[in-house]
N, C-alpha and C. Protein backbone atom coordinates (compact mmCIF):
# COMPACT_ATOMS: atom_id res chain seq x y z
N MET A 1 1.02 -1.10 -0.17
CA MET A 1 0.01 0.35 0.24
C MET A 1 1.05 1.61 -0.04
N ALA A 2 0.61 2.42 -0.72
CA ALA A 2 1.90 3.53 -1.18
C ALA A 2 0.74 4.46 -0.25
N TYR A 3 2.08 5.41 -0.24
CA TYR A 3 1.48 6.42 0.66
C TYR A 3 2.49 7.96 1.15
N THR A 4 2.03 8.61 -0.02
CA THR A 4 3.56 10.30 -0.14
C THR A 4 2.56 10.80 0.11
N ILE A 5 3.03 12.22 1.33
CA ILE A 5 2.64 12.95 2.12
C ILE A 5 4.04 15.03 1.30
N GLN A 6 2.92 15.52 1.28
CA GLN A 6 4.28 16.62 1.08
C GLN A 6 3.34 17.79 1.92
N ALA A 7 4.17 18.30 1.97
CA ALA A 7 2.84 19.86 3.12
C ALA A 7 3.51 20.10 4.12
N LEU A 8 3.26 21.67 3.72
CA LEU A 8 3.91 22.67 5.56
C LEU A 8 2.43 22.63 6.49
N LEU A 9 3.44 21.90 7.92
CA LEU A 9 2.11 22.16 9.12
C LEU A 9 2.62 22.77 9.85
N GLY A 10 1.27 23.53 10.77
CA GLY A 10 1.53 24.67 11.57
C GLY A 10 0.35 24.66 12.82
N LYS A 11 0.75 26.32 13.34
CA LYS A 11 -0.50 26.59 13.54
C LYS A 11 -1.66 27.59 12.82
N ARG A 12 -3.45 26.47 12.52
CA ARG A 12 -4.28 26.82 11.32
C ARG A 12 -3.81 28.13 11.37
N ASN A 13 -4.32 29.47 12.45
CA ASN A 13 -3.28 31.07 12.71
C ASN A 13 -2.36 31.69 12.20
N VAL A 14 -1.53 30.29 11.84
CA VAL A 14 -0.06 30.23 11.40
C VAL A 14 0.07 30.80 9.91
N LEU A 15 -0.64 29.66 9.52
CA LEU A 15 -0.50 29.37 7.63
C LEU A 15 -1.34 30.11 7.43
N SER A 16 -1.89 30.56 8.02
CA SER A 16 -3.50 31.57 7.10
C SER A 16 -2.78 33.23 6.58
N SER A 17 -1.10 33.33 8.20
CA SER A 17 -0.68 34.82 8.05
C SER A 17 -0.49 35.71 7.13
N ILE A 18 -0.02 35.05 5.86
CA ILE A 18 0.43 35.15 4.55
C ILE A 18 -0.07 33.95 3.24
N PRO A 19 -0.01 34.40 2.47
CA PRO A 19 -1.54 33.88 1.44
C PRO A 19 -0.35 33.67 0.59
N ILE A 20 -0.60 32.70 0.22
CA ILE A 20 -0.07 31.48 -0.78
C ILE A 20 -1.39 31.36 -1.82
N ASP A 21 -1.08 31.25 -3.25
CA ASP A 21 -2.23 31.74 -4.00
C ASP A 21 -2.06 30.38 -4.37
N ASN A 22 -3.52 29.75 -4.80
CA ASN A 22 -4.03 28.50 -4.66
C ASN A 22 -3.92 27.55 -3.73
N THR A 23 -3.83 27.84 -2.62
CA THR A 23 -3.49 26.47 -1.57
C THR A 23 -4.77 26.82 -0.67
N ASN A 24 -5.03 25.94 -0.10
CA ASN A 24 -6.11 25.06 1.22
C ASN A 24 -5.16 25.34 2.30
N VAL A 25 -5.81 25.63 3.40
CA VAL A 25 -5.48 25.42 4.67
C VAL A 25 -6.49 23.87 5.57
N ILE A 26 -5.57 23.19 5.22
CA ILE A 26 -6.66 22.10 5.74
C ILE A 26 -6.70 21.69 7.72
N SER A 27 -7.81 21.40 8.10
CA SER A 27 -7.07 22.09 9.90
C SER A 27 -7.39 20.61 9.96
N LEU A 28 -6.53 20.54 11.33
CA LEU A 28 -6.15 19.58 11.76
C LEU A 28 -6.31 19.51 13.42
N PRO A 29 -6.61 18.33 14.04
CA PRO A 29 -6.58 18.75 15.05
C PRO A 29 -5.70 19.55 15.98
N GLN A 30 -6.02 20.49 17.15
CA GLN A 30 -5.59 20.40 18.66
C GLN A 30 -4.99 22.37 18.14
N GLY A 31 -5.99 21.86 17.14
CA GLY A 31 -5.80 23.73 16.57
C GLY A 31 -4.83 24.26 14.94
N PHE A 32 -3.58 22.96 14.48
CA PHE A 32 -2.52 23.14 13.49
C PHE A 32 -3.65 22.64 12.18
N GLY A 33 -2.64 23.04 10.95
CA GLY A 33 -3.10 22.83 10.23
C GLY A 33 -2.10 23.00 8.95
N MET A 34 -2.57 22.55 8.31
CA MET A 34 -1.69 21.83 6.79
C MET A 34 -2.13 22.85 5.38
N ILE A 35 -0.72 23.17 4.83
CA ILE A 35 -1.41 22.99 3.56
C ILE A 35 0.21 22.23 2.14
N PRO A 36 -1.12 21.77 1.86
CA PRO A 36 -0.44 20.20 1.04
C PRO A 36 0.10 20.85 -0.46
N LEU A 37 0.55 20.57 -0.18
CA LEU A 37 2.58 21.18 -2.11
C LEU A 37 1.43 19.93 -2.67
N THR A 38 0.53 20.51 -3.60
CA THR A 38 -0.33 18.95 -4.25
C THR A 38 0.44 19.74 -5.82
N ASP A 39 -0.19 18.58 -6.30
CA ASP A 39 0.51 18.98 -8.06
C ASP A 39 0.47 20.42 -8.53
N GLN A 40 -0.64 21.04 -8.81
CA GLN A 40 -0.77 22.04 -8.88
C GLN A 40 0.15 23.08 -8.12
N ILE A 41 -0.02 22.89 -7.17
CA ILE A 41 0.98 24.00 -6.00
C ILE A 41 2.64 23.62 -6.66
N ARG A 42 3.19 21.93 -6.73
CA ARG A 42 4.13 22.25 -7.27
C ARG A 42 4.23 22.96 -8.82
N LYS A 43 3.40 22.44 -9.45
CA LYS A 43 3.80 22.51 -10.82
C LYS A 43 3.84 25.16 -11.33
N ILE A 44 2.65 25.10 -10.33
CA ILE A 44 2.70 26.55 -10.55
C ILE A 44 4.09 27.26 -9.60
N TYR A 45 4.59 26.68 -8.65
CA TYR A 45 6.32 27.40 -7.89
C TYR A 45 7.01 26.47 -7.97
N ASP A 46 6.90 25.94 -8.87
CA ASP A 46 8.17 24.68 -9.29
C ASP A 46 9.16 24.15 -8.04
N ILE A 47 8.32 23.15 -7.47
CA ILE A 47 8.38 23.18 -6.98
C ILE A 47 8.44 20.80 -6.84
N ALA A 48 9.44 20.75 -6.70
CA ALA A 48 10.04 19.18 -7.24
C ALA A 48 9.21 18.54 -6.31
N MET A 49 8.43 17.13 -7.19
CA MET A 49 8.05 16.19 -5.92
C MET A 49 8.58 15.42 -5.25
N LEU A 50 8.72 15.17 -3.72
CA LEU A 50 9.55 15.10 -2.83
C LEU A 50 11.38 14.94 -3.18
N PRO A 51 11.29 16.99 -3.07
CA PRO A 51 13.20 17.15 -2.96
C PRO A 51 13.39 16.74 -1.99
N LEU A 52 13.51 16.50 -0.87
CA LEU A 52 14.89 16.15 -0.24
C LEU A 52 14.63 14.85 -0.04
N THR A 53 13.65 13.58 0.37
CA THR A 53 13.72 12.24 -0.80
C THR A 53 14.76 12.06 -1.63
N ASP A 54 14.93 12.81 -3.07
CA ASP A 54 14.42 12.48 -4.06
C ASP A 54 15.95 13.40 -4.75
N GLU A 55 16.56 14.68 -4.24
CA GLU A 55 17.30 15.55 -5.15
C GLU A 55 18.23 16.56 -3.52
N GLY A 56 18.39 15.67 -2.54
CA GLY A 56 18.47 16.31 -1.38
C GLY A 56 18.39 17.07 -1.21
N GLU A 57 17.67 18.43 -1.13
CA GLU A 57 18.13 20.05 -1.33
C GLU A 57 16.60 19.73 -1.40
N LEU A 58 16.18 20.84 -0.16
CA LEU A 58 14.56 21.64 -0.69
C LEU A 58 14.46 22.96 -1.31
N PRO A 59 13.71 23.60 -2.02
CA PRO A 59 13.49 24.12 -3.50
C PRO A 59 13.51 26.11 -2.22
N ALA A 60 14.31 26.16 -2.90
CA ALA A 60 13.83 28.10 -2.19
C ALA A 60 12.31 28.02 -2.54
N GLN A 61 11.29 28.33 -2.81
CA GLN A 61 10.27 28.26 -2.37
C GLN A 61 10.13 28.34 -1.23
N VAL A 62 9.96 26.91 -1.11
CA VAL A 62 9.73 26.04 0.33
C VAL A 62 10.42 26.82 1.75
N VAL A 63 11.59 27.21 1.30
CA VAL A 63 12.32 27.62 2.48
C VAL A 63 11.88 28.73 2.70
N LYS A 64 11.64 30.25 1.33
CA LYS A 64 11.12 30.89 1.69
C LYS A 64 9.73 31.29 2.25
N TRP A 65 8.61 30.98 1.50
CA TRP A 65 7.43 30.60 2.74
C TRP A 65 7.57 29.62 4.68
N SER A 66 8.63 29.14 4.70
CA SER A 66 8.70 28.28 5.82
C SER A 66 8.96 29.31 6.97
N ILE A 67 10.43 30.41 6.22
CA ILE A 67 11.00 31.21 6.79
C ILE A 67 9.76 31.86 7.28
N GLN A 68 8.42 33.01 6.84
CA GLN A 68 7.95 33.97 6.49
C GLN A 68 7.11 33.66 7.48
N LEU A 69 6.25 32.34 7.38
CA LEU A 69 5.28 31.66 8.28
C LEU A 69 6.05 31.39 9.65
N SER A 70 6.84 31.70 9.62
CA SER A 70 7.69 31.12 11.20
C SER A 70 7.96 32.07 11.83
N ASN A 71 7.71 32.81 11.17
CA ASN A 71 8.34 34.75 12.22
C ASN A 71 6.95 34.90 13.06
N GLN A 72 6.07 34.34 12.95
CA GLN A 72 4.10 33.70 13.87
C GLN A 72 3.98 32.97 14.70
N GLY A 73 4.94 31.42 14.24
CA GLY A 73 4.83 30.55 14.48
C GLY A 73 5.80 28.61 14.71
N CYS A 74 6.13 27.94 14.87
CA CYS A 74 7.12 27.76 14.10
C CYS A 74 6.75 26.30 13.29
N ILE A 75 7.29 26.17 12.14
CA ILE A 75 6.42 25.71 11.05
C ILE A 75 7.48 23.65 11.05
N ALA A 76 6.42 23.18 10.02
CA ALA A 76 7.49 22.52 9.88
C ALA A 76 7.37 22.14 7.98
N TYR A 77 8.18 21.03 7.68
CA TYR A 77 7.85 20.71 6.58
C TYR A 77 7.96 19.98 6.53
N ILE A 78 6.80 18.72 5.99
CA ILE A 78 6.77 17.31 5.82
C ILE A 78 7.62 16.91 4.43
N GLU A 79 8.11 15.14 4.42
CA GLU A 79 7.76 14.81 3.03
C GLU A 79 7.93 13.82 3.45
N ALA A 80 6.92 12.51 2.48
CA ALA A 80 7.55 10.74 2.99
C ALA A 80 7.18 10.25 1.49
N GLU A 81 6.97 9.37 1.36
CA GLU A 81 7.34 8.76 -0.16
C GLU A 81 7.05 6.86 0.60
N LEU A 82 6.71 6.04 1.21
CA LEU A 82 6.32 5.02 2.07
C LEU A 82 5.51 3.75 0.17
N PHE A 83 6.36 3.00 0.67
CA PHE A 83 5.36 2.12 -0.10
C PHE A 83 5.67 0.60 0.72
N GLY A 84 4.38 -0.03 0.55
CA GLY A 84 4.34 -1.38 2.23
C GLY A 84 5.56 -1.38 2.79
N GLY A 85 5.20 0.09 4.16
CA GLY A 85 5.55 -0.34 4.93
C GLY A 85 7.30 0.44 4.98
N THR A 86 8.01 0.32 3.35
CA THR A 86 9.49 1.10 3.60
C THR A 86 9.79 1.91 2.60
N GLY A 87 10.61 3.28 3.25
CA GLY A 87 10.20 4.24 1.76
C GLY A 87 11.08 5.10 3.07
N LEU A 88 11.13 6.57 2.88
CA LEU A 88 12.15 7.62 4.46
C LEU A 88 10.51 8.34 4.17
N GLN A 89 10.43 8.88 5.06
CA GLN A 89 10.26 10.98 5.34
C GLN A 89 11.01 11.20 5.95
N VAL A 90 10.78 12.53 5.90
CA VAL A 90 11.17 13.66 6.40
C VAL A 90 11.04 14.90 7.00
N GLY A 91 11.67 15.43 8.11
CA GLY A 91 10.48 16.35 8.52
C GLY A 91 12.12 17.84 8.66
N VAL A 92 11.76 18.91 8.33
CA VAL A 92 11.82 20.61 8.84
C VAL A 92 10.98 20.88 9.79
N VAL A 93 11.94 22.00 10.77
CA VAL A 93 11.06 22.95 11.35
C VAL A 93 12.10 23.56 11.38
N TRP A 94 10.63 25.16 10.72
CA TRP A 94 11.38 26.80 11.12
C TRP A 94 11.07 27.14 12.41
N CYS A 95 11.39 28.18 13.30
CA CYS A 95 11.41 28.61 13.70
C CYS A 95 11.41 30.30 14.27
N ASN A 96 11.18 31.66 14.65
CA ASN A 96 11.16 32.83 14.42
C ASN A 96 12.35 32.80 13.56
N GLY A 97 11.96 32.47 12.18
CA GLY A 97 12.66 33.11 10.80
C GLY A 97 13.66 32.50 10.90
N GLU A 98 13.57 31.28 11.68
CA GLU A 98 15.36 29.60 11.62
C GLU A 98 14.77 29.36 10.98
N LEU A 99 15.99 27.99 10.56
CA LEU A 99 16.33 26.89 10.58
C LEU A 99 15.99 26.53 11.90
N SER A 100 15.81 25.26 12.61
CA SER A 100 15.61 24.94 13.88
C SER A 100 15.51 24.10 14.54
N GLY A 101 15.34 22.96 13.19
CA GLY A 101 15.73 21.12 13.48
C GLY A 101 15.40 20.08 11.87
N GLY A 102 16.12 19.79 12.58
CA GLY A 102 16.88 19.00 11.32
C GLY A 102 17.55 19.35 9.51
N PRO A 103 17.46 19.15 8.81
CA PRO A 103 16.30 18.34 8.24
C PRO A 103 16.38 16.79 8.91
N TRP A 104 15.38 16.15 9.30
CA TRP A 104 15.42 14.61 9.93
C TRP A 104 15.17 14.01 8.50
N VAL A 105 15.88 12.84 7.67
CA VAL A 105 15.85 11.63 7.09
C VAL A 105 15.89 10.83 7.19
N GLN A 106 14.63 10.21 7.05
CA GLN A 106 15.08 8.89 8.01
C GLN A 106 13.24 7.57 7.10
N GLU A 107 14.07 5.93 7.43
CA GLU A 107 12.95 5.40 6.97
C GLU A 107 11.64 5.24 8.44
N ARG A 108 11.64 5.50 9.23
CA ARG A 108 10.82 5.85 10.66
C ARG A 108 10.97 7.99 11.50
N ASN A 109 9.97 8.18 11.76
CA ASN A 109 10.22 8.83 12.95
C ASN A 109 10.65 10.28 11.73
N ALA A 110 11.54 10.73 11.11
CA ALA A 110 11.17 11.69 11.38
C ALA A 110 9.88 12.31 11.07
N ILE A 111 8.73 12.59 10.23
CA ILE A 111 7.67 13.43 10.67
C ILE A 111 7.25 13.63 11.62
N ASN A 112 7.63 12.61 12.72
CA ASN A 112 7.03 12.29 14.59
C ASN A 112 7.90 14.23 15.20
N LEU A 113 9.47 13.48 14.07
CA LEU A 113 9.81 15.11 15.50
C LEU A 113 10.02 16.11 14.92
N ALA A 114 9.28 16.27 13.79
CA ALA A 114 9.27 17.25 13.23
C ALA A 114 8.28 17.60 14.35
N LEU A 115 7.06 17.22 14.11
CA LEU A 115 5.91 17.34 15.02
C LEU A 115 6.25 18.18 16.37
N GLU A 116 7.52 16.82 16.73
CA GLU A 116 7.46 17.28 18.22
C GLU A 116 6.86 18.43 19.00
N ALA A 117 8.33 19.00 17.69
CA ALA A 117 9.08 20.13 17.66
C ALA A 117 8.08 21.17 17.17
N ILE A 118 7.27 21.33 17.01
CA ILE A 118 6.06 22.49 16.34
C ILE A 118 5.16 22.44 17.94
N GLY A 119 4.93 21.03 18.27
CA GLY A 119 4.40 21.27 19.56
C GLY A 119 3.50 20.61 19.45
N VAL A 120 3.43 18.94 18.89
CA VAL A 120 1.87 18.48 18.94
C VAL A 120 2.42 18.02 19.36
N ASP A 121 0.91 17.14 20.64
CA ASP A 121 0.74 16.47 21.72
C ASP A 121 0.64 15.41 20.91
N LYS A 122 1.30 14.31 21.11
CA LYS A 122 1.02 13.01 21.47
C LYS A 122 -0.19 12.53 21.62
N GLY A 123 -0.77 13.68 22.92
CA GLY A 123 -1.99 12.32 23.70
C GLY A 123 -2.51 10.39 24.20
N ASP A 124 -3.18 10.86 24.01
CA ASP A 124 -4.10 9.10 23.87
C ASP A 124 -3.00 8.04 22.19
N HIS A 125 -2.24 8.82 21.66
CA HIS A 125 -2.31 8.12 20.59
C HIS A 125 -0.74 7.56 20.18
N ARG A 126 -0.54 6.35 19.46
CA ARG A 126 0.05 6.12 19.18
C ARG A 126 1.32 6.75 19.04
N ASP A 127 0.96 7.51 18.31
CA ASP A 127 2.56 9.01 17.45
C ASP A 127 2.12 10.70 17.93
N ARG A 128 2.43 11.37 17.61
CA ARG A 128 2.13 12.69 17.00
C ARG A 128 0.87 12.63 15.58
N PHE A 129 2.14 11.43 14.90
CA PHE A 129 0.92 11.53 13.70
C PHE A 129 0.01 10.65 13.46
N ALA A 130 -0.22 10.40 14.48
CA ALA A 130 -1.87 9.13 14.54
C ALA A 130 -2.63 10.39 14.99
N ALA A 131 -1.41 11.55 16.09
CA ALA A 131 -2.23 13.01 17.10
C ALA A 131 -2.83 13.76 15.83
N LEU A 132 -2.39 13.40 14.76
CA LEU A 132 -3.05 14.85 13.63
C LEU A 132 -3.70 13.50 12.58
N ASP A 133 -4.00 12.92 12.85
CA ASP A 133 -4.82 12.27 11.70
C ASP A 133 -4.06 12.10 10.17
N LEU A 134 -2.70 12.26 10.55
CA LEU A 134 -2.08 12.22 9.03
C LEU A 134 -1.91 10.95 7.83
N GLY A 135 -2.56 10.55 8.39
CA GLY A 135 -3.25 8.84 7.43
C GLY A 135 -4.81 8.83 7.05
N ARG A 136 -5.26 9.30 7.29
CA ARG A 136 -6.12 10.06 6.66
C ARG A 136 -6.91 9.68 5.21
N HIS A 137 -5.18 10.92 4.09
CA HIS A 137 -5.59 10.01 3.67
C HIS A 137 -3.99 9.62 2.56
N ARG A 138 -3.89 8.38 1.94
CA ARG A 138 -3.08 7.98 1.23
C ARG A 138 -1.46 9.16 0.32
N PHE A 139 -2.61 10.34 0.63
CA PHE A 139 -1.46 10.91 -1.15
C PHE A 139 -2.08 12.35 -1.54
N THR A 140 -0.75 13.26 -1.14
CA THR A 140 -0.66 14.17 -0.66
C THR A 140 -2.83 15.39 -1.43
N GLY A 141 -2.11 14.54 -2.51
CA GLY A 141 -3.45 15.71 -3.07
C GLY A 141 -4.77 15.00 -2.83
N ASP A 142 -4.87 13.82 -1.73
CA ASP A 142 -6.77 13.89 -1.29
C ASP A 142 -6.84 14.54 -0.24
N TRP A 143 -6.06 15.30 0.04
CA TRP A 143 -5.87 16.05 1.21
C TRP A 143 -7.05 17.43 0.65
N VAL A 144 -7.18 17.82 -0.24
CA VAL A 144 -8.01 18.81 -0.81
C VAL A 144 -9.38 18.67 -1.94
N LYS A 145 -9.59 17.64 -1.88
CA LYS A 145 -10.31 16.61 -3.27
C LYS A 145 -11.90 16.96 -1.41
C-alpha cells in the first residue's frame, strides 16, 4: 500500500498569516493546519515532488514560505514516500525565521520529530502523526478533494 505526503504544517492561524496562491489550509486536530503541496501548487511554484528524499535539497520557495510563516510560529515541512511499509520520510522545522530542527531524513520517525518540535501533543495516540490524523489520506492531493 502506497503513501505520500508533502506539506507545510503549523498552527492554523500561522499558516493563514501569509497568502500562498492556490492553497487551502486544511484543519487538523489541536489547532494545527496543513498546506498540502499538491501537484497544482508544485507546478505553479516549480517545486519538485519529494525534493529532500529524491534530490537532497529543499526548494527555495518552500524555504521562503517557511521562514516567513515561522516569524508567527513554528512551521514544519514534511514529506514521505512509503510503499509496503518501507520508504523515507523527512521533517524540517523553522521557528522565528530560522531553521531550528532537521532536516531529519529517516525510514521512520522523521515526521514525528518535526511534529514534536512544533508542539504537537501525542495524547493517547501511538504517536504525533496519529494525533494529527495524517494517515487519513494516502496521497497529498487527496487532502484537498
